[in-house]
Amino acid sequence: MNYNNKRFRPVSNTDNGETSEETIFHYRQEENILFCNYSGGQIQKGHLIGKVDEQGRIDMRYHQINQNGDLMMGICHSEPEIMANGKIRLHENWQWTSGDKSTGHSIIEEI
């Protein structure tokens, strides 16, 4: 699976997450290396970098600055699903490595 030049938007997130439907992720991929810029909603600016395996699963690390000016960091593992319309839905399990170090689950979909 190749995520290059795909854009995603969250459709759900746990309450301790900072992304929302206003957050847009723009993915780039070179071989199995994934990187992304994102912003919107509570996020002023964010970046992620990760590795994509042969099944399209993503192991990533992210950092972002929220609207309060806080620098937040975390890890995320994403599992792809191909929807009926052919677009990708990612089921994400994540954990903050800053702040309260809590865990969460989000779903983002290709737009």
PDB file of N, CA and C in Angstrom:
ATOM      1  N   MET A   1       0.848  -1.179   0.000  1.00  0.00           N
ATOM      2  CA  MET A   1       0.000   0.000   0.000  1.00  0.00           C
ATOM      3  C   MET A   1       0.886   1.232   0.000  1.00  0.00           C
ATOM      4  N   ASN A   2       0.483   2.210  -0.794  1.00  0.00           N
ATOM      5  CA  ASN A   2       1.259   3.435  -0.878  1.00  0.00           C
ATOM      6  C   ASN A   2       0.371   4.614  -0.480  1.00  0.00           C
ATOM      7  N   TYR A   3       0.838   5.397   0.473  1.00  0.00           N
ATOM      8  CA  TYR A   3       0.086   6.536   0.989  1.00  0.00           C
ATOM      9  C   TYR A   3       0.520   7.861   0.366  1.00  0.00           C
ATOM     10  N   ASN A   4       1.417   7.810  -0.626  1.00  0.00           N
ATOM     11  CA  ASN A   4       1.987   9.043  -1.157  1.00  0.00           C
ATOM     12  C   ASN A   4       0.914   9.977  -1.703  1.00  0.00           C
ATOM     13  N   ASN A   5       0.968  11.219  -1.264  1.00  0.00           N
ATOM     14  CA  ASN A   5       0.106  12.315  -1.702  1.00  0.00           C
ATOM     15  C   ASN A   5      -1.370  12.117  -1.339  1.00  0.00           C
ATOM     16  N   LYS A   6      -1.653  11.275  -0.352  1.00  0.00           N
ATOM     17  CA  LYS A   6      -3.028  11.093   0.114  1.00  0.00           C
ATOM     18  C   LYS A   6      -3.281  12.029   1.294  1.00  0.00           C
ATOM     19  N   ARG A   7      -4.519  12.495   1.372  1.00  0.00           N
ATOM     20  CA  ARG A   7      -4.924  13.380   2.468  1.00  0.00           C
ATOM     21  C   ARG A   7      -5.977  12.665   3.305  1.00  0.00           C
ATOM     22  N   PHE A   8      -5.898  12.867   4.616  1.00  0.00           N
ATOM     23  CA  PHE A   8      -6.799  12.205   5.553  1.00  0.00           C
ATOM     24  C   PHE A   8      -7.393  13.228   6.509  1.00  0.00           C
ATOM     25  N   ARG A   9      -8.584  12.873   7.024  1.00  0.00           N
ATOM     26  CA  ARG A   9      -9.276  13.696   8.019  1.00  0.00           C
ATOM     27  C   ARG A   9      -9.822  12.766   9.104  1.00  0.00           C
ATOM     28  N   PRO A  10      -9.670  13.128  10.377  1.00  0.00           N
ATOM     29  CA  PRO A  10     -10.234  12.303  11.449  1.00  0.00           C
ATOM     30  C   PRO A  10     -11.767  12.268  11.384  1.00  0.00           C
ATOM     31  N   VAL A  11     -12.326  11.083  11.662  1.00  0.00           N
ATOM     32  CA  VAL A  11     -13.775  10.947  11.785  1.00  0.00           C
ATOM     33  C   VAL A  11     -14.161  10.614  13.222  1.00  0.00           C
ATOM     34  N   SER A  12     -13.191  10.171  14.033  1.00  0.00           N
ATOM     35  CA  SER A  12     -13.433   9.951  15.457  1.00  0.00           C
ATOM     36  C   SER A  12     -12.102   9.980  16.197  1.00  0.00           C
ATOM     37  N   ASN A  13     -12.183  10.330  17.484  1.00  0.00           N
ATOM     38  CA  ASN A  13     -10.998  10.366  18.332  1.00  0.00           C
ATOM     39  C   ASN A  13     -11.467  10.294  19.780  1.00  0.00           C
ATOM     40  N   THR A  14     -10.650   9.723  20.633  1.00  0.00           N
ATOM     41  CA  THR A  14     -10.989   9.716  22.055  1.00  0.00           C
ATOM     42  C   THR A  14     -10.810  11.125  22.620  1.00  0.00           C
ATOM     43  N   ASP A  15     -11.431  11.378  23.764  1.00  0.00           N
ATOM     44  CA  ASP A  15     -11.470  12.728  24.332  1.00  0.00           C
ATOM     45  C   ASP A  15     -10.094  13.303  24.657  1.00  0.00           C
ATOM     46  N   ASN A  16      -9.106  12.463  24.928  1.00  0.00           N
ATOM     47  CA  ASN A  16      -7.772  12.955  25.280  1.00  0.00           C
ATOM     48  C   ASN A  16      -6.915  13.264  24.051  1.00  0.00           C
ATOM     49  N   GLY A  17      -7.451  13.091  22.856  1.00  0.00           N
ATOM     50  CA  GLY A  17      -6.731  13.430  21.625  1.00  0.00           C
ATOM     51  C   GLY A  17      -6.923  14.888  21.255  1.00  0.00           C
ATOM     52  N   GLU A  18      -6.073  15.392  20.383  1.00  0.00           N
ATOM     53  CA  GLU A  18      -6.152  16.800  19.973  1.00  0.00           C
ATOM     54  C   GLU A  18      -6.618  16.978  18.530  1.00  0.00           C
ATOM     55  N   THR A  19      -6.661  15.918  17.737  1.00  0.00           N
ATOM     56  CA  THR A  19      -7.109  16.067  16.353  1.00  0.00           C
ATOM     57  C   THR A  19      -8.635  16.027  16.307  1.00  0.00           C
ATOM     58  N   SER A  20      -9.179  16.635  15.256  1.00  0.00           N
ATOM     59  CA  SER A  20     -10.626  16.695  15.050  1.00  0.00           C
ATOM     60  C   SER A  20     -10.901  16.676  13.553  1.00  0.00           C
ATOM     61  N   GLU A  21     -12.169  16.769  13.177  1.00  0.00           N
ATOM     62  CA  GLU A  21     -12.532  16.790  11.757  1.00  0.00           C
ATOM     63  C   GLU A  21     -11.921  17.974  11.019  1.00  0.00           C
ATOM     64  N   GLU A  22     -11.464  18.985  11.751  1.00  0.00           N
ATOM     65  CA  GLU A  22     -10.824  20.156  11.137  1.00  0.00           C
ATOM     66  C   GLU A  22      -9.347  19.926  10.830  1.00  0.00           C
ATOM     67  N   THR A  23      -8.775  18.838  11.333  1.00  0.00           N
ATOM     68  CA  THR A  23      -7.356  18.539  11.132  1.00  0.00           C
ATOM     69  C   THR A  23      -7.183  17.794   9.808  1.00  0.00           C
ATOM     70  N   ILE A  24      -6.277  18.268   8.976  1.00  0.00           N
ATOM     71  CA  ILE A  24      -5.984  17.626   7.693  1.00  0.00           C
ATOM     72  C   ILE A  24      -4.546  17.123   7.715  1.00  0.00           C
ATOM     73  N   PHE A  25      -4.388  15.842   7.362  1.00  0.00           N
ATOM     74  CA  PHE A  25      -3.085  15.182   7.269  1.00  0.00           C
ATOM     75  C   PHE A  25      -2.739  15.027   5.793  1.00  0.00           C
ATOM     76  N   HIS A  26      -1.540  15.440   5.392  1.00  0.00           N
ATOM     77  CA  HIS A  26      -1.076  15.248   4.010  1.00  0.00           C
ATOM     78  C   HIS A  26       0.110  14.298   4.037  1.00  0.00           C
ATOM     79  N   TYR A  27      -0.138  13.061   3.623  1.00  0.00           N
ATOM     80  CA  TYR A  27       0.877  12.011   3.686  1.00  0.00           C
ATOM     81  C   TYR A  27       1.772  12.024   2.453  1.00  0.00           C
ATOM     82  N   ARG A  28       3.027  11.703   2.680  1.00  0.00           N
ATOM     83  CA  ARG A  28       4.020  11.465   1.622  1.00  0.00           C
ATOM     84  C   ARG A  28       4.692  10.139   1.940  1.00  0.00           C
ATOM     85  N   GLN A  29       5.100   9.421   0.913  1.00  0.00           N
ATOM     86  CA  GLN A  29       5.778   8.148   1.142  1.00  0.00           C
ATOM     87  C   GLN A  29       6.879   7.956   0.116  1.00  0.00           C
ATOM     88  N   GLU A  30       8.047   7.540   0.607  1.00  0.00           N
ATOM     89  CA  GLU A  30       9.184   7.149  -0.235  1.00  0.00           C
ATOM     90  C   GLU A  30       9.598   5.766   0.219  1.00  0.00           C
ATOM     91  N   GLU A  31       9.437   4.792  -0.671  1.00  0.00           N
ATOM     92  CA  GLU A  31       9.654   3.380  -0.337  1.00  0.00           C
ATOM     93  C   GLU A  31       8.801   3.047   0.880  1.00  0.00           C
ATOM     94  N   ASN A  32       9.380   2.600   1.991  1.00  0.00           N
ATOM     95  CA  ASN A  32       8.544   2.264   3.146  1.00  0.00           C
ATOM     96  C   ASN A  32       8.560   3.360   4.225  1.00  0.00           C
ATOM     97  N   ILE A  33       9.086   4.537   3.881  1.00  0.00           N
ATOM     98  CA  ILE A  33       9.150   5.637   4.841  1.00  0.00           C
ATOM     99  C   ILE A  33       7.994   6.600   4.582  1.00  0.00           C
ATOM    100  N   LEU A  34       7.224   6.836   5.627  1.00  0.00           N
ATOM    101  CA  LEU A  34       6.065   7.719   5.557  1.00  0.00           C
ATOM    102  C   LEU A  34       6.367   8.992   6.339  1.00  0.00           C
ATOM    103  N   PHE A  35       5.959  10.130   5.811  1.00  0.00           N
ATOM    104  CA  PHE A  35       6.075  11.384   6.540  1.00  0.00           C
ATOM    105  C   PHE A  35       4.881  12.249   6.204  1.00  0.00           C
ATOM    106  N   CYS A  36       4.577  13.196   7.089  1.00  0.00           N
ATOM    107  CA  CYS A  36       3.326  13.923   6.954  1.00  0.00           C
ATOM    108  C   CYS A  36       3.412  15.267   7.669  1.00  0.00           C
ATOM    109  N   ASN A  37       2.751  16.259   7.098  1.00  0.00           N
ATOM    110  CA  ASN A  37       2.481  17.528   7.754  1.00  0.00           C
ATOM    111  C   ASN A  37       0.987  17.574   8.027  1.00  0.00           C
ATOM    112  N   TYR A  38       0.600  18.135   9.161  1.00  0.00           N
ATOM    113  CA  TYR A  38      -0.818  18.272   9.453  1.00  0.00           C
ATOM    114  C   TYR A  38      -1.080  19.507  10.294  1.00  0.00           C
ATOM    115  N   SER A  39      -2.300  20.010  10.202  1.00  0.00           N
ATOM    116  CA  SER A  39      -2.722  21.179  10.972  1.00  0.00           C
ATOM    117  C   SER A  39      -4.238  21.278  10.890  1.00  0.00           C
ATOM    118  N   GLY A  40      -4.778  22.156  11.726  1.00  0.00           N
ATOM    119  CA  GLY A  40      -6.217  22.413  11.732  1.00  0.00           C
ATOM    120  C   GLY A  40      -6.846  22.064  13.062  1.00  0.00           C
ATOM    121  N   GLY A  41      -7.921  22.761  13.393  1.00  0.00           N
ATOM    122  CA  GLY A  41      -8.571  22.544  14.678  1.00  0.00           C
ATOM    123  C   GLY A  41      -7.658  22.987  15.805  1.00  0.00           C
ATOM    124  N   GLN A  42      -7.409  22.104  16.758  1.00  0.00           N
ATOM    125  CA  GLN A  42      -6.557  22.423  17.909  1.00  0.00           C
ATOM    126  C   GLN A  42      -5.065  22.398  17.584  1.00  0.00           C
ATOM    127  N   ILE A  43      -4.707  21.962  16.357  1.00  0.00           N
ATOM    128  CA  ILE A  43      -3.297  21.784  15.986  1.00  0.00           C
ATOM    129  C   ILE A  43      -2.822  22.954  15.139  1.00  0.00           C
ATOM    130  N   GLN A  44      -1.820  23.702  15.654  1.00  0.00           N
ATOM    131  CA  GLN A  44      -1.196  24.751  14.839  1.00  0.00           C
ATOM    132  C   GLN A  44      -0.341  24.129  13.746  1.00  0.00           C
ATOM    133  N   LYS A  45       0.508  23.165  14.140  1.00  0.00           N
ATOM    134  CA  LYS A  45       1.416  22.524  13.186  1.00  0.00           C
ATOM    135  C   LYS A  45       1.832  21.191  13.762  1.00  0.00           C
ATOM    136  N   GLY A  46       1.832  20.167  12.920  1.00  0.00           N
ATOM    137  CA  GLY A  46       2.271  18.852  13.347  1.00  0.00           C
ATOM    138  C   GLY A  46       3.011  18.122  12.245  1.00  0.00           C
ATOM    139  N   HIS A  47       3.850  17.185  12.655  1.00  0.00           N
ATOM    140  CA  HIS A  47       4.612  16.347  11.731  1.00  0.00           C
ATOM    141  C   HIS A  47       4.600  14.921  12.255  1.00  0.00           C
ATOM    142  N   LEU A  48       4.684  13.978  11.341  1.00  0.00           N
ATOM    143  CA  LEU A  48       4.880  12.590  11.754  1.00  0.00           C
ATOM    144  C   LEU A  48       5.850  11.928  10.803  1.00  0.00           C
ATOM    145  N   ILE A  49       6.493  10.882  11.296  1.00  0.00           N
ATOM    146  CA  ILE A  49       7.371  10.054  10.486  1.00  0.00           C
ATOM    147  C   ILE A  49       7.161   8.618  10.919  1.00  0.00           C
ATOM    148  N   GLY A  50       7.179   7.721   9.948  1.00  0.00           N
ATOM    149  CA  GLY A  50       6.947   6.333  10.296  1.00  0.00           C
ATOM    150  C   GLY A  50       7.389   5.391   9.203  1.00  0.00           C
ATOM    151  N   LYS A  51       7.167   4.115   9.483  1.00  0.00           N
ATOM    152  CA  LYS A  51       7.494   3.051   8.533  1.00  0.00           C
ATOM    153  C   LYS A  51       6.221   2.289   8.201  1.00  0.00           C
ATOM    154  N   VAL A  52       6.090   1.930   6.922  1.00  0.00           N
ATOM    155  CA  VAL A  52       4.938   1.182   6.429  1.00  0.00           C
ATOM    156  C   VAL A  52       5.385  -0.248   6.146  1.00  0.00           C
ATOM    157  N   ASP A  53       4.638  -1.232   6.675  1.00  0.00           N
ATOM    158  CA  ASP A  53       5.003  -2.622   6.396  1.00  0.00           C
ATOM    159  C   ASP A  53       4.279  -3.127   5.146  1.00  0.00           C
ATOM    160  N   GLU A  54       4.488  -4.385   4.786  1.00  0.00           N
ATOM    161  CA  GLU A  54       3.944  -4.941   3.551  1.00  0.00           C
ATOM    162  C   GLU A  54       2.425  -5.002   3.527  1.00  0.00           C
ATOM    163  N   GLN A  55       1.778  -5.000   4.695  1.00  0.00           N
ATOM    164  CA  GLN A  55       0.320  -5.005   4.768  1.00  0.00           C
ATOM    165  C   GLN A  55      -0.264  -3.591   4.864  1.00  0.00           C
ATOM    166  N   GLY A  56       0.587  -2.574   4.796  1.00  0.00           N
ATOM    167  CA  GLY A  56       0.129  -1.197   4.871  1.00  0.00           C
ATOM    168  C   GLY A  56      -0.018  -0.666   6.281  1.00  0.00           C
ATOM    169  N   ARG A  57       0.370  -1.459   7.279  1.00  0.00           N
ATOM    170  CA  ARG A  57       0.319  -0.983   8.663  1.00  0.00           C
ATOM    171  C   ARG A  57       1.427   0.038   8.881  1.00  0.00           C
ATOM    172  N   ILE A  58       1.141   1.021   9.723  1.00  0.00           N
ATOM    173  CA  ILE A  58       2.078   2.122   9.951  1.00  0.00           C
ATOM    174  C   ILE A  58       2.503   2.150  11.412  1.00  0.00           C
ATOM    175  N   ASP A  59       3.808   2.238  11.630  1.00  0.00           N
ATOM    176  CA  ASP A  59       4.384   2.461  12.959  1.00  0.00           C
ATOM    177  C   ASP A  59       5.002   3.849  12.895  1.00  0.00           C
ATOM    178  N   MET A  60       4.442   4.802  13.654  1.00  0.00           N
ATOM    179  CA  MET A  60       4.869   6.196  13.492  1.00  0.00           C
ATOM    180  C   MET A  60       5.119   6.885  14.828  1.00  0.00           C
ATOM    181  N   ARG A  61       5.799   8.015  14.737  1.00  0.00           N
ATOM    182  CA  ARG A  61       6.013   8.926  15.843  1.00  0.00           C
ATOM    183  C   ARG A  61       5.540  10.295  15.374  1.00  0.00           C
ATOM    184  N   TYR A  62       4.922  11.040  16.268  1.00  0.00           N
ATOM    185  CA  TYR A  62       4.417  12.357  15.882  1.00  0.00           C
ATOM    186  C   TYR A  62       4.766  13.405  16.942  1.00  0.00           C
ATOM    187  N   HIS A  63       4.809  14.648  16.487  1.00  0.00           N
ATOM    188  CA  HIS A  63       4.949  15.786  17.392  1.00  0.00           C
ATOM    189  C   HIS A  63       4.138  16.936  16.814  1.00  0.00           C
ATOM    190  N   GLN A  64       3.598  17.752  17.710  1.00  0.00           N
ATOM    191  CA  GLN A  64       2.720  18.828  17.266  1.00  0.00           C
ATOM    192  C   GLN A  64       2.709  19.951  18.297  1.00  0.00           C
ATOM    193  N   ILE A  65       2.362  21.136  17.812  1.00  0.00           N
ATOM    194  CA  ILE A  65       2.140  22.277  18.697  1.00  0.00           C
ATOM    195  C   ILE A  65       0.657  22.620  18.614  1.00  0.00           C
ATOM    196  N   ASN A  66       0.002  22.599  19.767  1.00  0.00           N
ATOM    197  CA  ASN A  66      -1.434  22.865  19.781  1.00  0.00           C
ATOM    198  C   ASN A  66      -1.706  24.372  19.902  1.00  0.00           C
ATOM    199  N   GLN A  67      -2.984  24.739  19.897  1.00  0.00           N
ATOM    200  CA  GLN A  67      -3.368  26.156  19.932  1.00  0.00           C
ATOM    201  C   GLN A  67      -2.981  26.836  21.246  1.00  0.00           C
ATOM    202  N   ASN A  68      -2.707  26.051  22.298  1.00  0.00           N
ATOM    203  CA  ASN A  68      -2.224  26.625  23.555  1.00  0.00           C
ATOM    204  C   ASN A  68      -0.718  26.863  23.543  1.00  0.00           C
ATOM    205  N   GLY A  69      -0.042  26.436  22.468  1.00  0.00           N
ATOM    206  CA  GLY A  69       1.407  26.573  22.371  1.00  0.00           C
ATOM    207  C   GLY A  69       2.172  25.429  23.001  1.00  0.00           C
ATOM    208  N   ASP A  70       1.460  24.368  23.407  1.00  0.00           N
ATOM    209  CA  ASP A  70       2.116  23.209  24.019  1.00  0.00           C
ATOM    210  C   ASP A  70       2.711  22.300  22.935  1.00  0.00           C
ATOM    211  N   LEU A  71       3.923  21.834  23.160  1.00  0.00           N
ATOM    212  CA  LEU A  71       4.570  20.846  22.295  1.00  0.00           C
ATOM    213  C   LEU A  71       4.199  19.468  22.822  1.00  0.00           C
ATOM    214  N   MET A  72       3.517  18.677  21.997  1.00  0.00           N
ATOM    215  CA  MET A  72       3.043  17.350  22.380  1.00  0.00           C
ATOM    216  C   MET A  72       3.678  16.317  21.454  1.00  0.00           C
ATOM    217  N   MET A  73       3.971  15.133  22.005  1.00  0.00           N
ATOM    218  CA  MET A  73       4.599  14.066  21.228  1.00  0.00           C
ATOM    219  C   MET A  73       3.945  12.740  21.549  1.00  0.00           C
ATOM    220  N   GLY A  74       4.037  11.809  20.583  1.00  0.00           N
ATOM    221  CA  GLY A  74       3.469  10.498  20.844  1.00  0.00           C
ATOM    222  C   GLY A  74       3.857   9.467  19.808  1.00  0.00           C
ATOM    223  N   ILE A  75       3.338   8.247  20.034  1.00  0.00           N
ATOM    224  CA  ILE A  75       3.539   7.132  19.117  1.00  0.00           C
ATOM    225  C   ILE A  75       2.165   6.657  18.654  1.00  0.00           C
ATOM    226  N   CYS A  76       2.138   6.068  17.458  1.00  0.00           N
ATOM    227  CA  CYS A  76       0.866   5.622  16.896  1.00  0.00           C
ATOM    228  C   CYS A  76       1.100   4.399  16.013  1.00  0.00           C
ATOM    229  N   HIS A  77       0.170   3.465  16.087  1.00  0.00           N
ATOM    230  CA  HIS A  77       0.165   2.287  15.212  1.00  0.00           C
ATOM    231  C   HIS A  77      -1.158   2.287  14.466  1.00  0.00           C
ATOM    232  N   SER A  78      -1.085   2.296  13.130  1.00  0.00           N
ATOM    233  CA  SER A  78      -2.278   2.401  12.291  1.00  0.00           C
ATOM    234  C   SER A  78      -2.476   1.134  11.477  1.00  0.00           C
ATOM    235  N   GLU A  79      -3.726   0.709  11.387  1.00  0.00           N
ATOM    236  CA  GLU A  79      -4.122  -0.479  10.638  1.00  0.00           C
ATOM    237  C   GLU A  79      -5.061  -0.026   9.523  1.00  0.00           C
ATOM    238  N   PRO A  80      -4.717  -0.302   8.236  1.00  0.00           N
ATOM    239  CA  PRO A  80      -5.559   0.176   7.136  1.00  0.00           C
ATOM    240  C   PRO A  80      -6.770  -0.726   6.889  1.00  0.00           C
ATOM    241  N   GLU A  81      -7.813  -0.095   6.391  1.00  0.00           N
ATOM    242  CA  GLU A  81      -9.007  -0.777   5.903  1.00  0.00           C
ATOM    243  C   GLU A  81      -9.377  -0.112   4.586  1.00  0.00           C
ATOM    244  N   ILE A  82      -9.673  -0.894   3.564  1.00  0.00           N
ATOM    245  CA  ILE A  82     -10.137  -0.327   2.301  1.00  0.00           C
ATOM    246  C   ILE A  82     -11.662  -0.271   2.359  1.00  0.00           C
ATOM    247  N   MET A  83     -12.211   0.930   2.228  1.00  0.00           N
ATOM    248  CA  MET A  83     -13.654   1.111   2.298  1.00  0.00           C
ATOM    249  C   MET A  83     -14.304   0.723   0.963  1.00  0.00           C
ATOM    250  N   ALA A  84     -15.625   0.623   0.952  1.00  0.00           N
ATOM    251  CA  ALA A  84     -16.370   0.233  -0.254  1.00  0.00           C
ATOM    252  C   ALA A  84     -16.116   1.182  -1.423  1.00  0.00           C
ATOM    253  N   ASN A  85     -15.824   2.466  -1.123  1.00  0.00           N
ATOM    254  CA  ASN A  85     -15.555   3.442  -2.185  1.00  0.00           C
ATOM    255  C   ASN A  85     -14.107   3.415  -2.670  1.00  0.00           C
ATOM    256  N   GLY A  86     -13.288   2.469  -2.135  1.00  0.00           N
ATOM    257  CA  GLY A  86     -11.897   2.333  -2.556  1.00  0.00           C
ATOM    258  C   GLY A  86     -10.921   3.208  -1.782  1.00  0.00           C
ATOM    259  N   LYS A  87     -11.432   4.084  -0.943  1.00  0.00           N
ATOM    260  CA  LYS A  87     -10.552   4.951  -0.147  1.00  0.00           C
ATOM    261  C   LYS A  87     -10.095   4.215   1.108  1.00  0.00           C
ATOM    262  N   ILE A  88      -9.058   4.776   1.745  1.00  0.00           N
ATOM    263  CA  ILE A  88      -8.435   4.135   2.899  1.00  0.00           C
ATOM    264  C   ILE A  88      -8.977   4.728   4.199  1.00  0.00           C
ATOM    265  N   ARG A  89      -9.278   3.843   5.129  1.00  0.00           N
ATOM    266  CA  ARG A  89      -9.609   4.222   6.505  1.00  0.00           C
ATOM    267  C   ARG A  89      -8.504   3.653   7.380  1.00  0.00           C
ATOM    268  N   LEU A  90      -7.953   4.476   8.288  1.00  0.00           N
ATOM    269  CA  LEU A  90      -6.904   4.027   9.195  1.00  0.00           C
ATOM    270  C   LEU A  90      -7.440   3.980  10.629  1.00  0.00           C
ATOM    271  N   HIS A  91      -7.315   2.809  11.247  1.00  0.00           N
ATOM    272  CA  HIS A  91      -7.671   2.612  12.650  1.00  0.00           C
ATOM    273  C   HIS A  91      -6.390   2.784  13.453  1.00  0.00           C
ATOM    274  N   GLU A  92      -6.371   3.784  14.334  1.00  0.00           N
ATOM    275  CA  GLU A  92      -5.134   4.180  14.999  1.00  0.00           C
ATOM    276  C   GLU A  92      -5.217   3.993  16.509  1.00  0.00           C
ATOM    277  N   ASN A  93      -4.208   3.329  17.050  1.00  0.00           N
ATOM    278  CA  ASN A  93      -4.010   3.231  18.494  1.00  0.00           C
ATOM    279  C   ASN A  93      -2.770   4.040  18.822  1.00  0.00           C
ATOM    280  N   TRP A  94      -2.903   4.998  19.735  1.00  0.00           N
ATOM    281  CA  TRP A  94      -1.816   5.928  19.994  1.00  0.00           C
ATOM    282  C   TRP A  94      -1.624   6.127  21.487  1.00  0.00           C
ATOM    283  N   GLN A  95      -0.442   6.693  21.789  1.00  0.00           N
ATOM    284  CA  GLN A  95      -0.129   7.040  23.173  1.00  0.00           C
ATOM    285  C   GLN A  95       0.711   8.296  23.189  1.00  0.00           C
ATOM    286  N   TRP A  96       0.346   9.219  24.076  1.00  0.00           N
ATOM    287  CA  TRP A  96       1.178  10.386  24.296  1.00  0.00           C
ATOM    288  C   TRP A  96       2.477   9.940  24.978  1.00  0.00           C
ATOM    289  N   THR A  97       3.598  10.473  24.514  1.00  0.00           N
ATOM    290  CA  THR A  97       4.868  10.270  25.221  1.00  0.00           C
ATOM    291  C   THR A  97       5.239  11.544  25.987  1.00  0.00           C
ATOM    292  N   SER A  98       4.379  12.528  25.915  1.00  0.00           N
ATOM    293  CA  SER A  98       4.495  13.760  26.700  1.00  0.00           C
ATOM    294  C   SER A  98       3.191  13.917  27.476  1.00  0.00           C
ATOM    295  N   GLY A  99       3.141  14.922  28.317  1.00  0.00           N
ATOM    296  CA  GLY A  99       1.914  15.162  29.076  1.00  0.00           C
ATOM    297  C   GLY A  99       1.572  14.002  29.989  1.00  0.00           C
ATOM    298  N   ASP A 100       0.320  13.568  29.949  1.00  0.00           N
ATOM    299  CA  ASP A 100      -0.136  12.530  30.882  1.00  0.00           C
ATOM    300  C   ASP A 100       0.154  11.095  30.420  1.00  0.00           C
ATOM    301  N   LYS A 101       0.738  10.959  29.228  1.00  0.00           N
ATOM    302  CA  LYS A 101       1.120   9.648  28.676  1.00  0.00           C
ATOM    303  C   LYS A 101      -0.077   8.705  28.519  1.00  0.00           C
ATOM    304  N   SER A 102      -1.265   9.263  28.340  1.00  0.00           N
ATOM    305  CA  SER A 102      -2.470   8.459  28.179  1.00  0.00           C
ATOM    306  C   SER A 102      -2.533   7.860  26.769  1.00  0.00           C
ATOM    307  N   THR A 103      -3.432   6.894  26.596  1.00  0.00           N
ATOM    308  CA  THR A 103      -3.614   6.223  25.314  1.00  0.00           C
ATOM    309  C   THR A 103      -4.952   6.617  24.712  1.00  0.00           C
ATOM    310  N   GLY A 104      -5.109   6.351  23.422  1.00  0.00           N
ATOM    311  CA  GLY A 104      -6.359   6.646  22.753  1.00  0.00           C
ATOM    312  C   GLY A 104      -6.503   5.893  21.459  1.00  0.00           C
ATOM    313  N   HIS A 105      -7.650   6.075  20.836  1.00  0.00           N
ATOM    314  CA  HIS A 105      -7.959   5.429  19.562  1.00  0.00           C
ATOM    315  C   HIS A 105      -8.632   6.471  18.662  1.00  0.00           C
ATOM    316  N   SER A 106      -8.196   6.515  17.414  1.00  0.00           N
ATOM    317  CA  SER A 106      -8.812   7.413  16.455  1.00  0.00           C
ATOM    318  C   SER A 106      -8.995   6.687  15.136  1.00  0.00           C
ATOM    319  N   ILE A 107      -9.858   7.243  14.311  1.00  0.00           N
ATOM    320  CA  ILE A 107     -10.067   6.746  12.947  1.00  0.00           C
ATOM    321  C   ILE A 107      -9.950   7.940  12.024  1.00  0.00           C
ATOM    322  N   ILE A 108      -9.110   7.798  10.992  1.00  0.00           N
ATOM    323  CA  ILE A 108      -9.003   8.832   9.975  1.00  0.00           C
ATOM    324  C   ILE A 108      -9.341   8.200   8.625  1.00  0.00           C
ATOM    325  N   GLU A 109      -9.916   9.024   7.734  1.00  0.00           N
ATOM    326  CA  GLU A 109     -10.309   8.533   6.422  1.00  0.00           C
ATOM    327  C   GLU A 109      -9.734   9.413   5.323  1.00  0.00           C
ATOM    328  N   GLU A 110      -9.395   8.758   4.232  1.00  0.00           N
ATOM    329  CA  GLU A 110      -8.882   9.472   3.053  1.00  0.00           C
ATOM    330  C   GLU A 110      -9.968  10.393   2.503  1.00  0.00           C
ATOM    331  N   ILE A 111      -9.563  11.604   2.139  1.00  0.00           N
ATOM    332  CA  ILE A 111     -10.512  12.555   1.563  1.00  0.00           C
ATOM    333  C   ILE A 111     -10.174  12.840   0.116  1.00  0.00           C
TER     334      ILE A 111
END
